[in-house]
Amino acid sequence: MDRKEFLAQLGLGTAGLVLFGCLGGCEKNDVPTPPSNVNLSIDLTNNTYANLLTPGGTYTTSNGIIIAQTKTGTYIAVSVNCTHQGVPVKYFVNTNKFICPAHGSIFSANGSVVSGPAGSPLKQYTVTQSGTVLTITG
């Protein structure tokens, strides 16, 4: 094998490794299991939850639930991790949707998949409000 052949084969091998890495980057990773048997109370007068006092405001709990105030003033809650690769979703008040910033999966306010690559919904939690206290269950 001469030098030219060697470099050509080296180039093809490197290209193959790069392509494999790119394709492998979108494979399904371990997505955290959404919390279950949830019974959480949040007092909106506590400064920790100040973001929830305005439409579009969100708060993510330590156990993986994102709570958001919609533009109509109601509260919604779903599991925060995208079901495609586990990246935390963001809430967009203007569309009332959760969107994964990594690959663009879109979820409705109740967590159902609007468009993929995610194929499974986010877990939805029930939010009830009594005065300044939100109770999240599910």
C-alpha atoms as a PDB file:
ATOM      1  CA  MET A   1       0.000   0.000   0.000  1.00  0.00           C
ATOM      2  CA  ASP A   2       1.458   3.352  -0.957  1.00  0.00           C
ATOM      3  CA  ARG A   3       1.089   6.594   0.961  1.00  0.00           C
ATOM      4  CA  LYS A   4      -1.788   7.861  -1.199  1.00  0.00           C
ATOM      5  CA  GLU A   5      -3.843   4.664  -0.671  1.00  0.00           C
ATOM      6  CA  PHE A   6      -3.144   4.735   3.057  1.00  0.00           C
ATOM      7  CA  LEU A   7      -4.350   8.343   3.404  1.00  0.00           C
ATOM      8  CA  ALA A   8      -7.471   7.617   1.337  1.00  0.00           C
ATOM      9  CA  GLN A   9      -8.384   4.640   3.537  1.00  0.00           C
ATOM     10  CA  LEU A  10      -7.632   6.633   6.663  1.00  0.00           C
ATOM     11  CA  GLY A  11      -9.966   9.371   5.419  1.00  0.00           C
ATOM     12  CA  LEU A  12     -12.785   6.901   4.740  1.00  0.00           C
ATOM     13  CA  GLY A  13     -12.352   5.296   8.151  1.00  0.00           C
ATOM     14  CA  THR A  14     -12.457   8.663   9.897  1.00  0.00           C
ATOM     15  CA  ALA A  15     -15.535   9.709   7.914  1.00  0.00           C
ATOM     16  CA  GLY A  16     -17.247   6.460   8.938  1.00  0.00           C
ATOM     17  CA  LEU A  17     -16.523   7.068  12.607  1.00  0.00           C
ATOM     18  CA  VAL A  18     -17.825  10.646  12.410  1.00  0.00           C
ATOM     19  CA  LEU A  19     -21.003   9.497  10.638  1.00  0.00           C
ATOM     20  CA  PHE A  20     -21.544   6.734  13.219  1.00  0.00           C
ATOM     21  CA  GLY A  21     -21.162   9.295  16.026  1.00  0.00           C
ATOM     22  CA  CYS A  22     -23.654  11.656  14.423  1.00  0.00           C
ATOM     23  CA  LEU A  23     -26.240   8.940  13.868  1.00  0.00           C
ATOM     24  CA  GLY A  24     -25.711   7.533  17.346  1.00  0.00           C
ATOM     25  CA  GLY A  25     -26.322  10.971  18.872  1.00  0.00           C
ATOM     26  CA  CYS A  26     -30.048  10.702  18.240  1.00  0.00           C
ATOM     27  CA  GLU A  27     -30.588   7.252  19.683  1.00  0.00           C
ATOM     28  CA  LYS A  28     -32.954   7.002  22.627  1.00  0.00           C
ATOM     29  CA  ASN A  29     -31.200   7.544  25.932  1.00  0.00           C
ATOM     30  CA  ASP A  30     -32.487   6.585  29.355  1.00  0.00           C
ATOM     31  CA  VAL A  31     -35.317   8.999  30.076  1.00  0.00           C
ATOM     32  CA  PRO A  32     -36.016   9.510  33.781  1.00  0.00           C
ATOM     33  CA  THR A  33     -39.253   7.901  34.964  1.00  0.00           C
ATOM     34  CA  PRO A  34     -41.870  10.576  35.665  1.00  0.00           C
ATOM     35  CA  PRO A  35     -42.830  10.935  39.318  1.00  0.00           C
ATOM     36  CA  SER A  36     -45.881   8.968  40.405  1.00  0.00           C
ATOM     37  CA  ASN A  37     -48.086   9.064  43.502  1.00  0.00           C
ATOM     38  CA  VAL A  38     -47.470  12.803  43.671  1.00  0.00           C
ATOM     39  CA  ASN A  39     -49.184  14.919  46.317  1.00  0.00           C
ATOM     40  CA  LEU A  40     -47.399  18.264  46.412  1.00  0.00           C
ATOM     41  CA  SER A  41     -48.537  21.595  47.864  1.00  0.00           C
ATOM     42  CA  ILE A  42     -47.108  24.924  46.762  1.00  0.00           C
ATOM     43  CA  ASP A  43     -47.850  28.166  48.575  1.00  0.00           C
ATOM     44  CA  LEU A  44     -47.739  30.932  45.972  1.00  0.00           C
ATOM     45  CA  THR A  45     -46.934  33.521  48.658  1.00  0.00           C
ATOM     46  CA  ASN A  46     -43.515  31.873  49.105  1.00  0.00           C
ATOM     47  CA  ASN A  47     -40.878  33.772  47.059  1.00  0.00           C
ATOM     48  CA  THR A  48     -39.511  30.454  45.775  1.00  0.00           C
ATOM     49  CA  TYR A  49     -42.556  30.249  43.502  1.00  0.00           C
ATOM     50  CA  ALA A  50     -42.680  33.925  42.431  1.00  0.00           C
ATOM     51  CA  ASN A  51     -42.367  33.004  38.721  1.00  0.00           C
ATOM     52  CA  LEU A  52     -45.743  31.262  38.932  1.00  0.00           C
ATOM     53  CA  LEU A  53     -47.516  34.528  39.688  1.00  0.00           C
ATOM     54  CA  THR A  54     -47.424  35.721  36.057  1.00  0.00           C
ATOM     55  CA  PRO A  55     -48.743  34.091  32.889  1.00  0.00           C
ATOM     56  CA  GLY A  56     -45.971  32.078  31.276  1.00  0.00           C
ATOM     57  CA  GLY A  57     -44.131  31.698  34.544  1.00  0.00           C
ATOM     58  CA  THR A  58     -42.855  28.252  35.417  1.00  0.00           C
ATOM     59  CA  TYR A  59     -41.368  26.340  38.286  1.00  0.00           C
ATOM     60  CA  THR A  60     -39.665  22.947  38.060  1.00  0.00           C
ATOM     61  CA  THR A  61     -39.754  20.762  41.154  1.00  0.00           C
ATOM     62  CA  SER A  62     -36.750  18.770  42.317  1.00  0.00           C
ATOM     63  CA  ASN A  63     -38.519  15.515  41.420  1.00  0.00           C
ATOM     64  CA  GLY A  64     -39.101  16.472  37.761  1.00  0.00           C
ATOM     65  CA  ILE A  65     -42.445  18.244  37.380  1.00  0.00           C
ATOM     66  CA  ILE A  66     -42.813  21.535  35.518  1.00  0.00           C
ATOM     67  CA  ILE A  67     -45.686  23.746  36.674  1.00  0.00           C
ATOM     68  CA  ALA A  68     -46.771  26.661  34.484  1.00  0.00           C
ATOM     69  CA  GLN A  69     -49.326  29.446  34.568  1.00  0.00           C
ATOM     70  CA  THR A  70     -51.206  29.721  31.266  1.00  0.00           C
ATOM     71  CA  LYS A  71     -52.150  33.052  29.708  1.00  0.00           C
ATOM     72  CA  THR A  72     -55.691  32.591  31.082  1.00  0.00           C
ATOM     73  CA  GLY A  73     -54.330  32.291  34.630  1.00  0.00           C
ATOM     74  CA  THR A  74     -54.858  28.564  35.147  1.00  0.00           C
ATOM     75  CA  TYR A  75     -52.073  26.227  36.227  1.00  0.00           C
ATOM     76  CA  ILE A  76     -50.867  23.111  34.422  1.00  0.00           C
ATOM     77  CA  ALA A  77     -48.244  20.528  35.344  1.00  0.00           C
ATOM     78  CA  VAL A  78     -46.456  17.790  33.396  1.00  0.00           C
ATOM     79  CA  SER A  79     -43.287  15.747  33.723  1.00  0.00           C
ATOM     80  CA  VAL A  80     -40.368  17.965  32.714  1.00  0.00           C
ATOM     81  CA  ASN A  81     -38.241  15.460  30.787  1.00  0.00           C
ATOM     82  CA  CYS A  82     -38.893  15.021  27.070  1.00  0.00           C
ATOM     83  CA  THR A  83     -39.786  11.423  26.327  1.00  0.00           C
ATOM     84  CA  HIS A  84     -37.362  11.336  23.390  1.00  0.00           C
ATOM     85  CA  GLN A  85     -34.058  11.824  25.231  1.00  0.00           C
ATOM     86  CA  GLY A  86     -34.908  13.239  28.635  1.00  0.00           C
ATOM     87  CA  VAL A  87     -33.993  16.878  27.978  1.00  0.00           C
ATOM     88  CA  PRO A  88     -36.065  19.300  30.111  1.00  0.00           C
ATOM     89  CA  VAL A  89     -38.891  20.900  28.128  1.00  0.00           C
ATOM     90  CA  LYS A  90     -39.736  24.600  28.198  1.00  0.00           C
ATOM     91  CA  TYR A  91     -43.223  26.127  28.371  1.00  0.00           C
ATOM     92  CA  PHE A  92     -44.269  28.731  25.795  1.00  0.00           C
ATOM     93  CA  VAL A  93     -47.245  30.754  26.977  1.00  0.00           C
ATOM     94  CA  ASN A  94     -48.164  32.196  23.538  1.00  0.00           C
ATOM     95  CA  THR A  95     -48.774  28.744  22.072  1.00  0.00           C
ATOM     96  CA  ASN A  96     -49.661  27.013  25.359  1.00  0.00           C
ATOM     97  CA  LYS A  97     -47.210  24.248  24.459  1.00  0.00           C
ATOM     98  CA  PHE A  98     -44.148  22.556  25.927  1.00  0.00           C
ATOM     99  CA  ILE A  99     -41.193  22.342  23.541  1.00  0.00           C
ATOM    100  CA  CYS A 100     -37.997  20.342  23.819  1.00  0.00           C
ATOM    101  CA  PRO A 101     -35.042  22.594  22.959  1.00  0.00           C
ATOM    102  CA  ALA A 102     -32.835  19.657  21.887  1.00  0.00           C
ATOM    103  CA  HIS A 103     -34.746  18.122  18.973  1.00  0.00           C
ATOM    104  CA  GLY A 104     -37.951  20.166  18.713  1.00  0.00           C
ATOM    105  CA  SER A 105     -40.577  17.786  20.066  1.00  0.00           C
ATOM    106  CA  ILE A 106     -43.763  19.701  20.823  1.00  0.00           C
ATOM    107  CA  PHE A 107     -46.262  18.727  23.523  1.00  0.00           C
ATOM    108  CA  SER A 108     -49.729  20.180  24.215  1.00  0.00           C
ATOM    109  CA  ALA A 109     -50.657  21.691  27.567  1.00  0.00           C
ATOM    110  CA  ASN A 110     -51.861  18.255  28.721  1.00  0.00           C
ATOM    111  CA  GLY A 111     -48.588  16.597  27.674  1.00  0.00           C
ATOM    112  CA  SER A 112     -49.762  14.843  24.497  1.00  0.00           C
ATOM    113  CA  VAL A 113     -47.329  14.743  21.567  1.00  0.00           C
ATOM    114  CA  VAL A 114     -48.105  17.342  18.903  1.00  0.00           C
ATOM    115  CA  SER A 115     -44.986  16.568  16.853  1.00  0.00           C
ATOM    116  CA  GLY A 116     -41.920  14.382  17.361  1.00  0.00           C
ATOM    117  CA  PRO A 117     -39.366  12.918  17.403  1.00  0.00           C
ATOM    118  CA  ALA A 118     -40.868  12.087  20.820  1.00  0.00           C
ATOM    119  CA  GLY A 119     -43.377   9.274  20.507  1.00  0.00           C
ATOM    120  CA  SER A 120     -44.779   9.218  24.049  1.00  0.00           C
ATOM    121  CA  PRO A 121     -46.634  11.930  25.972  1.00  0.00           C
ATOM    122  CA  LEU A 122     -45.380  13.777  29.016  1.00  0.00           C
ATOM    123  CA  LYS A 123     -47.131  12.625  32.197  1.00  0.00           C
ATOM    124  CA  GLN A 124     -49.880  15.064  33.135  1.00  0.00           C
ATOM    125  CA  TYR A 125     -50.608  15.995  36.749  1.00  0.00           C
ATOM    126  CA  THR A 126     -53.786  17.459  38.213  1.00  0.00           C
ATOM    127  CA  VAL A 127     -53.454  20.977  39.595  1.00  0.00           C
ATOM    128  CA  THR A 128     -56.061  22.379  41.961  1.00  0.00           C
ATOM    129  CA  GLN A 129     -55.966  25.828  43.509  1.00  0.00           C
ATOM    130  CA  SER A 130     -57.376  26.876  46.841  1.00  0.00           C
ATOM    131  CA  GLY A 131     -56.593  30.501  47.555  1.00  0.00           C
ATOM    132  CA  THR A 132     -52.814  30.858  47.240  1.00  0.00           C
ATOM    133  CA  VAL A 133     -52.084  27.128  47.489  1.00  0.00           C
ATOM    134  CA  LEU A 134     -51.632  24.854  44.481  1.00  0.00           C
ATOM    135  CA  THR A 135     -51.955  21.124  44.990  1.00  0.00           C
ATOM    136  CA  ILE A 136     -50.341  18.912  42.369  1.00  0.00           C
ATOM    137  CA  THR A 137     -51.411  15.262  42.320  1.00  0.00           C
ATOM    138  CA  GLY A 138     -51.079  12.299  40.026  1.00  0.00           C
END
